[in-house]
Amino acid sequence: MTTERVVKTANGDVTVKKLTLRQYASVFKAITDLPKKIGSLLKEGQKISDETIIEVLPMLIGDALPDFCRIMVIASDKDEEFFMNLDLSDFTGIIVAAFELNDFSGIVANIKKLTARKVSPAK
């Protein structure tokens, strides 16, 4: 199982780590407002497309950049200052590496499976 991935950037290599449960708890504490910020940028029922990303990116960077940096500090070997000095392409590449390494889509799928199960009433 891969537990680290190195991402090359113009400012130097970044080692992204597979998160432990303890680190996930830290991530969730660090980003309590992030889901609300992202949700507020999308219109009801709006799908995330290339156009949507272009539309909300300025607001997302303006409002949520500190939250994303806090996540990346936990998930990597770099500090917030390093991330604040990256270009957008390198920064988003690191975020993608963290999402892929930590299999966030698999986590979401598992949670959907768990919440879809019918619980029979207690007798």
N, C-alpha and C. Protein backbone atom coordinates (compact mmCIF):
# COMPACT_ATOMS: atom_id res chain seq x y z
N MET A 1 0.84 -1.17 0.00
CA MET A 1 0.00 0.00 0.00
C MET A 1 0.89 1.24 0.00
N THR A 2 0.61 2.17 -0.91
CA THR A 2 1.37 3.41 -0.98
C THR A 2 0.91 4.36 0.12
N THR A 3 1.86 4.88 0.89
CA THR A 3 1.52 5.78 1.98
C THR A 3 2.01 7.20 1.74
N GLU A 4 2.79 7.39 0.68
CA GLU A 4 3.30 8.72 0.35
C GLU A 4 3.37 8.88 -1.16
N ARG A 5 3.27 10.13 -1.60
CA ARG A 5 3.46 10.45 -3.01
C ARG A 5 4.20 11.77 -3.08
N VAL A 6 5.23 11.82 -3.91
CA VAL A 6 6.01 13.05 -4.09
C VAL A 6 5.46 13.80 -5.30
N VAL A 7 5.16 15.08 -5.08
CA VAL A 7 4.67 15.95 -6.15
C VAL A 7 5.74 17.01 -6.40
N LYS A 8 6.16 17.12 -7.64
CA LYS A 8 7.18 18.11 -8.00
C LYS A 8 6.49 19.45 -8.28
N THR A 9 7.03 20.52 -7.71
CA THR A 9 6.50 21.86 -7.95
C THR A 9 7.67 22.77 -8.32
N ALA A 10 7.35 23.96 -8.78
CA ALA A 10 8.38 24.94 -9.11
C ALA A 10 9.16 25.37 -7.87
N ASN A 11 8.55 25.23 -6.69
CA ASN A 11 9.19 25.64 -5.43
C ASN A 11 9.83 24.47 -4.69
N GLY A 12 9.82 23.29 -5.26
CA GLY A 12 10.42 22.13 -4.62
C GLY A 12 9.43 20.99 -4.48
N ASP A 13 9.94 19.82 -4.16
CA ASP A 13 9.12 18.62 -4.00
C ASP A 13 8.28 18.70 -2.74
N VAL A 14 7.07 18.14 -2.83
CA VAL A 14 6.16 18.04 -1.68
C VAL A 14 5.82 16.57 -1.51
N THR A 15 5.98 16.07 -0.30
CA THR A 15 5.59 14.70 0.00
C THR A 15 4.20 14.74 0.62
N VAL A 16 3.24 14.14 -0.09
CA VAL A 16 1.86 14.04 0.38
C VAL A 16 1.73 12.69 1.07
N LYS A 17 1.06 12.68 2.23
CA LYS A 17 0.96 11.47 3.05
C LYS A 17 -0.46 10.92 3.09
N LYS A 18 -0.56 9.61 3.23
CA LYS A 18 -1.85 8.98 3.50
C LYS A 18 -2.20 9.31 4.95
N LEU A 19 -3.41 9.79 5.15
CA LEU A 19 -3.81 10.26 6.48
C LEU A 19 -4.26 9.11 7.38
N THR A 20 -3.94 9.25 8.66
CA THR A 20 -4.44 8.33 9.68
C THR A 20 -5.77 8.87 10.20
N LEU A 21 -6.49 8.09 10.96
CA LEU A 21 -7.74 8.56 11.56
C LEU A 21 -7.50 9.81 12.41
N ARG A 22 -6.43 9.82 13.17
CA ARG A 22 -6.09 10.99 14.00
C ARG A 22 -5.89 12.23 13.13
N GLN A 23 -5.22 12.06 12.00
CA GLN A 23 -5.00 13.19 11.09
C GLN A 23 -6.31 13.64 10.43
N TYR A 24 -7.19 12.69 10.12
CA TYR A 24 -8.50 13.07 9.58
C TYR A 24 -9.25 13.92 10.59
N ALA A 25 -9.18 13.57 11.86
CA ALA A 25 -9.83 14.37 12.90
C ALA A 25 -9.27 15.80 12.89
N SER A 26 -7.97 15.93 12.74
CA SER A 26 -7.34 17.26 12.67
C SER A 26 -7.79 18.01 11.42
N VAL A 27 -7.90 17.31 10.30
CA VAL A 27 -8.36 17.94 9.07
C VAL A 27 -9.77 18.46 9.26
N PHE A 28 -10.65 17.64 9.82
CA PHE A 28 -12.05 18.05 9.98
C PHE A 28 -12.18 19.22 10.94
N LYS A 29 -11.35 19.26 11.97
CA LYS A 29 -11.36 20.41 12.88
C LYS A 29 -10.86 21.66 12.17
N ALA A 30 -9.89 21.50 11.28
CA ALA A 30 -9.29 22.64 10.58
C ALA A 30 -10.22 23.24 9.53
N ILE A 31 -11.17 22.46 9.05
CA ILE A 31 -11.97 22.92 7.91
C ILE A 31 -13.46 22.96 8.21
N THR A 32 -13.84 23.25 9.41
CA THR A 32 -15.26 23.21 9.75
C THR A 32 -16.11 24.10 8.84
N ASP A 33 -15.57 25.20 8.35
CA ASP A 33 -16.36 26.11 7.51
C ASP A 33 -16.24 25.83 6.02
N LEU A 34 -15.29 25.00 5.61
CA LEU A 34 -15.05 24.79 4.18
C LEU A 34 -16.27 24.24 3.43
N PRO A 35 -16.95 23.20 3.93
CA PRO A 35 -18.12 22.72 3.17
C PRO A 35 -19.18 23.81 2.99
N LYS A 36 -19.40 24.63 4.02
CA LYS A 36 -20.37 25.72 3.89
C LYS A 36 -19.93 26.72 2.84
N LYS A 37 -18.63 27.03 2.82
CA LYS A 37 -18.12 28.00 1.84
C LYS A 37 -18.29 27.47 0.42
N ILE A 38 -17.96 26.20 0.21
CA ILE A 38 -18.10 25.62 -1.12
C ILE A 38 -19.57 25.53 -1.50
N GLY A 39 -20.39 25.06 -0.57
CA GLY A 39 -21.82 24.93 -0.83
C GLY A 39 -22.47 26.26 -1.16
N SER A 40 -22.04 27.32 -0.51
CA SER A 40 -22.63 28.63 -0.75
C SER A 40 -22.28 29.17 -2.13
N LEU A 41 -21.23 28.66 -2.74
CA LEU A 41 -20.82 29.12 -4.06
C LEU A 41 -21.61 28.44 -5.18
N LEU A 42 -22.20 27.30 -4.88
CA LEU A 42 -22.95 26.56 -5.90
C LEU A 42 -24.43 26.85 -5.77
N LYS A 43 -25.08 26.99 -6.90
CA LYS A 43 -26.53 27.18 -6.90
C LYS A 43 -27.18 25.82 -6.66
N GLU A 44 -28.38 25.83 -6.11
CA GLU A 44 -29.10 24.59 -5.80
C GLU A 44 -29.15 23.68 -7.02
N GLY A 45 -28.73 22.44 -6.85
CA GLY A 45 -28.76 21.45 -7.92
C GLY A 45 -27.68 21.61 -8.98
N GLN A 46 -26.81 22.59 -8.82
CA GLN A 46 -25.77 22.85 -9.81
C GLN A 46 -24.70 21.75 -9.76
N LYS A 47 -24.38 21.23 -10.92
CA LYS A 47 -23.33 20.22 -11.04
C LYS A 47 -21.99 20.92 -11.18
N ILE A 48 -20.93 20.26 -10.73
CA ILE A 48 -19.60 20.84 -10.86
C ILE A 48 -19.06 20.48 -12.24
N SER A 49 -18.91 21.51 -13.07
CA SER A 49 -18.39 21.35 -14.42
C SER A 49 -17.19 22.28 -14.56
N ASP A 50 -16.52 22.22 -15.70
CA ASP A 50 -15.41 23.14 -15.94
C ASP A 50 -15.86 24.59 -15.82
N GLU A 51 -17.04 24.88 -16.36
CA GLU A 51 -17.56 26.24 -16.31
C GLU A 51 -17.84 26.67 -14.87
N THR A 52 -18.39 25.76 -14.07
CA THR A 52 -18.69 26.06 -12.66
C THR A 52 -17.40 26.34 -11.90
N ILE A 53 -16.39 25.54 -12.15
CA ILE A 53 -15.11 25.73 -11.46
C ILE A 53 -14.54 27.10 -11.81
N ILE A 54 -14.56 27.46 -13.08
CA ILE A 54 -14.05 28.77 -13.50
C ILE A 54 -14.86 29.88 -12.83
N GLU A 55 -16.17 29.68 -12.73
CA GLU A 55 -17.06 30.69 -12.15
C GLU A 55 -16.79 30.90 -10.66
N VAL A 56 -16.58 29.82 -9.91
CA VAL A 56 -16.46 29.95 -8.46
C VAL A 56 -15.02 30.03 -7.96
N LEU A 57 -14.05 29.77 -8.84
CA LEU A 57 -12.65 29.74 -8.42
C LEU A 57 -12.19 31.03 -7.73
N PRO A 58 -12.48 32.20 -8.27
CA PRO A 58 -12.02 33.41 -7.57
C PRO A 58 -12.56 33.52 -6.14
N MET A 59 -13.84 33.22 -5.96
CA MET A 59 -14.43 33.28 -4.62
C MET A 59 -13.86 32.18 -3.73
N LEU A 60 -13.67 31.00 -4.30
CA LEU A 60 -13.15 29.88 -3.54
C LEU A 60 -11.74 30.17 -3.04
N ILE A 61 -10.90 30.69 -3.91
CA ILE A 61 -9.53 31.05 -3.53
C ILE A 61 -9.57 32.16 -2.48
N GLY A 62 -10.42 33.15 -2.71
CA GLY A 62 -10.50 34.26 -1.77
C GLY A 62 -10.99 33.86 -0.40
N ASP A 63 -12.00 32.98 -0.35
CA ASP A 63 -12.62 32.62 0.93
C ASP A 63 -12.03 31.38 1.58
N ALA A 64 -11.63 30.41 0.79
CA ALA A 64 -11.30 29.10 1.35
C ALA A 64 -9.82 28.73 1.28
N LEU A 65 -8.98 29.60 0.74
CA LEU A 65 -7.56 29.27 0.62
C LEU A 65 -6.93 28.89 1.96
N PRO A 66 -7.18 29.63 3.04
CA PRO A 66 -6.58 29.23 4.32
C PRO A 66 -7.00 27.82 4.76
N ASP A 67 -8.27 27.46 4.49
CA ASP A 67 -8.74 26.11 4.84
C ASP A 67 -7.99 25.05 4.05
N PHE A 68 -7.86 25.27 2.74
CA PHE A 68 -7.13 24.31 1.91
C PHE A 68 -5.66 24.20 2.35
N CYS A 69 -5.05 25.32 2.72
CA CYS A 69 -3.66 25.29 3.19
C CYS A 69 -3.54 24.48 4.48
N ARG A 70 -4.50 24.66 5.40
CA ARG A 70 -4.47 23.89 6.66
C ARG A 70 -4.56 22.39 6.38
N ILE A 71 -5.38 22.01 5.41
CA ILE A 71 -5.49 20.59 5.04
C ILE A 71 -4.15 20.09 4.53
N MET A 72 -3.54 20.86 3.64
CA MET A 72 -2.30 20.42 3.01
C MET A 72 -1.14 20.38 4.00
N VAL A 73 -1.14 21.24 5.00
CA VAL A 73 -0.10 21.19 6.04
C VAL A 73 -0.20 19.86 6.78
N ILE A 74 -1.41 19.42 7.08
CA ILE A 74 -1.62 18.15 7.78
C ILE A 74 -1.25 16.97 6.88
N ALA A 75 -1.55 17.09 5.58
CA ALA A 75 -1.37 15.97 4.65
C ALA A 75 -0.02 15.95 3.96
N SER A 76 0.91 16.83 4.36
CA SER A 76 2.19 16.88 3.65
C SER A 76 3.34 17.20 4.61
N ASP A 77 4.49 17.40 4.01
CA ASP A 77 5.68 17.72 4.79
C ASP A 77 6.03 19.21 4.71
N LYS A 78 5.09 20.05 4.29
CA LYS A 78 5.35 21.49 4.12
C LYS A 78 4.48 22.32 5.06
N ASP A 79 4.90 23.58 5.26
CA ASP A 79 4.14 24.48 6.12
C ASP A 79 3.24 25.39 5.28
N GLU A 80 2.40 26.17 5.96
CA GLU A 80 1.44 27.03 5.26
C GLU A 80 2.13 28.05 4.37
N GLU A 81 3.24 28.58 4.81
CA GLU A 81 3.97 29.58 4.03
C GLU A 81 4.39 29.00 2.67
N PHE A 82 4.84 27.76 2.66
CA PHE A 82 5.22 27.10 1.40
C PHE A 82 4.03 27.10 0.44
N PHE A 83 2.87 26.68 0.94
CA PHE A 83 1.70 26.57 0.07
C PHE A 83 1.23 27.93 -0.42
N MET A 84 1.32 28.95 0.42
CA MET A 84 0.87 30.29 0.03
C MET A 84 1.75 30.87 -1.08
N ASN A 85 2.94 30.32 -1.28
CA ASN A 85 3.85 30.82 -2.31
C ASN A 85 3.87 29.97 -3.58
N LEU A 86 2.98 28.99 -3.68
CA LEU A 86 2.88 28.16 -4.88
C LEU A 86 2.01 28.85 -5.93
N ASP A 87 2.20 28.45 -7.19
CA ASP A 87 1.24 28.91 -8.19
C ASP A 87 0.03 27.97 -8.14
N LEU A 88 -1.06 28.41 -8.74
CA LEU A 88 -2.33 27.68 -8.63
C LEU A 88 -2.25 26.28 -9.23
N SER A 89 -1.53 26.13 -10.32
CA SER A 89 -1.40 24.82 -10.96
C SER A 89 -0.70 23.83 -10.03
N ASP A 90 0.42 24.24 -9.43
CA ASP A 90 1.12 23.35 -8.50
C ASP A 90 0.26 23.03 -7.29
N PHE A 91 -0.42 24.06 -6.74
CA PHE A 91 -1.24 23.86 -5.54
C PHE A 91 -2.37 22.87 -5.81
N THR A 92 -3.08 23.04 -6.93
CA THR A 92 -4.17 22.12 -7.23
C THR A 92 -3.65 20.72 -7.55
N GLY A 93 -2.45 20.63 -8.12
CA GLY A 93 -1.85 19.31 -8.36
C GLY A 93 -1.57 18.56 -7.07
N ILE A 94 -1.16 19.30 -6.04
CA ILE A 94 -0.91 18.69 -4.73
C ILE A 94 -2.22 18.24 -4.10
N ILE A 95 -3.25 19.07 -4.22
CA ILE A 95 -4.57 18.70 -3.67
C ILE A 95 -5.07 17.43 -4.36
N VAL A 96 -4.94 17.36 -5.67
CA VAL A 96 -5.37 16.16 -6.41
C VAL A 96 -4.60 14.93 -5.91
N ALA A 97 -3.29 15.07 -5.73
CA ALA A 97 -2.48 13.94 -5.24
C ALA A 97 -2.96 13.49 -3.87
N ALA A 98 -3.29 14.43 -3.00
CA ALA A 98 -3.77 14.08 -1.65
C ALA A 98 -5.12 13.36 -1.73
N PHE A 99 -6.02 13.85 -2.60
CA PHE A 99 -7.32 13.20 -2.75
C PHE A 99 -7.17 11.79 -3.31
N GLU A 100 -6.30 11.62 -4.31
CA GLU A 100 -6.10 10.30 -4.90
C GLU A 100 -5.43 9.35 -3.92
N LEU A 101 -4.37 9.79 -3.26
CA LEU A 101 -3.64 8.93 -2.33
C LEU A 101 -4.54 8.46 -1.18
N ASN A 102 -5.40 9.37 -0.72
CA ASN A 102 -6.28 9.05 0.41
C ASN A 102 -7.63 8.48 -0.03
N ASP A 103 -7.80 8.27 -1.33
CA ASP A 103 -8.98 7.63 -1.91
C ASP A 103 -10.28 8.25 -1.38
N PHE A 104 -10.38 9.57 -1.49
CA PHE A 104 -11.58 10.25 -1.00
C PHE A 104 -12.83 9.78 -1.72
N SER A 105 -12.73 9.47 -3.01
CA SER A 105 -13.93 9.00 -3.72
C SER A 105 -14.36 7.64 -3.16
N GLY A 106 -13.41 6.80 -2.78
CA GLY A 106 -13.73 5.51 -2.15
C GLY A 106 -14.37 5.70 -0.78
N ILE A 107 -13.90 6.68 -0.03
CA ILE A 107 -14.47 6.97 1.28
C ILE A 107 -15.92 7.43 1.12
N VAL A 108 -16.15 8.33 0.17
CA VAL A 108 -17.51 8.81 -0.08
C VAL A 108 -18.41 7.65 -0.50
N ALA A 109 -17.91 6.78 -1.37
CA ALA A 109 -18.70 5.62 -1.81
C ALA A 109 -19.04 4.72 -0.63
N ASN A 110 -18.07 4.50 0.26
CA ASN A 110 -18.33 3.66 1.43
C ASN A 110 -19.38 4.28 2.35
N ILE A 111 -19.30 5.58 2.54
CA ILE A 111 -20.27 6.27 3.39
C ILE A 111 -21.66 6.17 2.77
N LYS A 112 -21.74 6.32 1.45
CA LYS A 112 -23.04 6.17 0.78
C LYS A 112 -23.60 4.77 0.99
N LYS A 113 -22.74 3.75 0.90
CA LYS A 113 -23.19 2.37 1.12
C LYS A 113 -23.72 2.20 2.54
N LEU A 114 -22.98 2.76 3.49
CA LEU A 114 -23.41 2.64 4.88
C LEU A 114 -24.74 3.33 5.14
N THR A 115 -24.92 4.51 4.58
CA THR A 115 -26.15 5.26 4.82
C THR A 115 -27.32 4.72 4.01
N ALA A 116 -27.05 3.92 2.98
CA ALA A 116 -28.11 3.36 2.16
C ALA A 116 -28.70 2.09 2.78
N ARG A 117 -27.99 1.48 3.69
CA ARG A 117 -28.48 0.24 4.31
C ARG A 117 -29.70 0.53 5.18
N LYS A 118 -30.66 -0.32 5.06
CA LYS A 118 -31.87 -0.17 5.87
C LYS A 118 -31.62 -0.82 7.22
N VAL A 119 -31.96 -0.10 8.23
CA VAL A 119 -31.81 -0.62 9.57
C VAL A 119 -33.17 -1.14 10.02
N SER A 120 -33.17 -2.39 10.44
CA SER A 120 -34.44 -2.95 10.90
C SER A 120 -34.70 -2.50 12.34
N PRO A 121 -35.96 -2.23 12.65
CA PRO A 121 -36.28 -1.75 13.99
C PRO A 121 -35.95 -2.79 15.05
N ALA A 122 -35.56 -2.31 16.20
CA ALA A 122 -35.23 -3.20 17.32
C ALA A 122 -36.52 -3.83 17.84
N LYS A 123 -36.42 -5.08 18.24
CA LYS A 123 -37.61 -5.80 18.75
C LYS A 123 -37.61 -5.82 20.24
